[in-house]
Amino acid sequence: MRLLDRDASSFQSQGNFNVKHTNQSTVLLWSDIYHVIIHLPLWGLLLLFVMVYVVSFLLFAALWYSIPDSCHTGLETFVEAFYLSVETQMTIGYGVPDPGFRNCSQVLPVLLAQSLTGLVIDAMMIGVIFQHVSCANTRASTVIFSSTAVLQVIDGCVHMIFRVAEMQKQPLLQAVMQVYCVQHHSDDSMPGGVRVEVTAMQLKEPDTDMYNGVLFLGLPTMVVHKVDFSSPLAPSRPIPVGANQPPPTPSGGWSDYPSPQEVKEHLRQRPYLEVLVLLSGTEDATASSIEARHSYTLEDIVWNRAFKPCVSIDTQGVHCINFAHIHTTYPAPGELQAERPHVRSTISAGDMPPKLTYSRRCLAATYEETEQAHRDNDNADFESVQRSHGSVSAKIFSRGRSSSGSEWLQSLGRRSKSSSRV
């Protein structure tokens, strides 16, 4: 059974953990009675307050019925006392034969206590139900995670990648991602023979050093985890011959990460593995903290696949997100590398690879074809894309121009003269 459910629509999670609590302290739990009530379902809250109102009506009906006849309440049965209790607390105003109760002192404490009790119950009911309805849990359902995570071999190293996107026009503020791996290990020393291990997974993207781990959710984002020997998805570091423990740093010219085949065999031997994804942020309208949850088991992790681009740029230069492609994958180029790449201990300056000027935060995007691209479809794809991009840029640049070319040139000349004067 999964630790985190995937029962919501579009392969998403409702955020419910399949965890049973036993032998917990009831005293500590009920000391925080407010949050216990807040987390009740809506039908449970309504039923609770109906019961509170009925108990209040019955309690004060008994007090009204105990008042002597000398106060001229006109109550002959307990049912009449109950009616009077409801009328008093809900301020219906049907009244009694003598609203002054013949200045009877026994009536004043009951009337005052019931009126104040009714106000307190009303305020509590409105506050609790409003807090429950405005809870940010429903806002978290608009954060969409890819239904599967992919394992890709990049530069000889396995990377686990999944995609996250925001459906709301106003994305979460200061969105931070945390990823954990839950594994089961056979251990005869533990009760039941199973040891549950929870390990934090370090992310390559978003980089906590460069970006403080904050995600930009204005566009779909790729979350990348590099599977090195410190990753819970990788086997233990091999122990050199004659050593008692693996070296703390790579030695002998070998890389600090296992080969793809070693990772694949390690995952096949796992009896249970689930990757938990927690994305927390702030909703700007209500300033509420939100946590969206998702998980991937071994059944949800696929090899040698890549995510299909879901971002396109239309002819007006507007970025378009196609949520139908959030979960779509296709076979990744290249074959699974079974051999561990060998890294030389000394590299000459001429052999140094060129410095990359981009990161994996770059998103693959497509341009919608224009009429010009359709007319020139017999040319090279790269030139066709260049023309499409130029056409898009020209349309963007032409916004705000006058319909006449001469008027546009005149306005340009006026701007040049004004610039020279400045």
Foldseek 3Di string as FASTA:
>chain_A
DDQFDQPDPPSFGLGDGPDDDDPDDPVVVCVPVLVVLLPDDPVVLVVVLVVVVVVLLLVLLVLQVPDDCQLVQPDDDSVVSSVVSCCLLVVVPPGGPDNCSVVDPSVVVSSVVSNVVSVVSVVVSVVSSVCSVPPCSVVLVQKDKANFWEWEQDPQFTKIKIKIAGRDQDDFAQKAKWKKKWAWDQAPVDVVRIDIDIGTFDWPPVDCVPPVRGDDRNDMFMTMGTAFCVGPLADHDDPDPPDPHRDPADDPQFDRGDGLVRSVVSLVPTPWMKMKMWIWGADVVVRDIYIGIDMHIPVRYYYQKDQDAQWEAELQRDIDGHPVRSHDIDGHPDDRDPDGDGGDPDDDPVRDDDDDPDDPRDGDYYYDQDPVLVVPVVDDPVVSRVVSVVSSVVNNVCPPPDPDPVVNVVVVVVVVVVVVVD
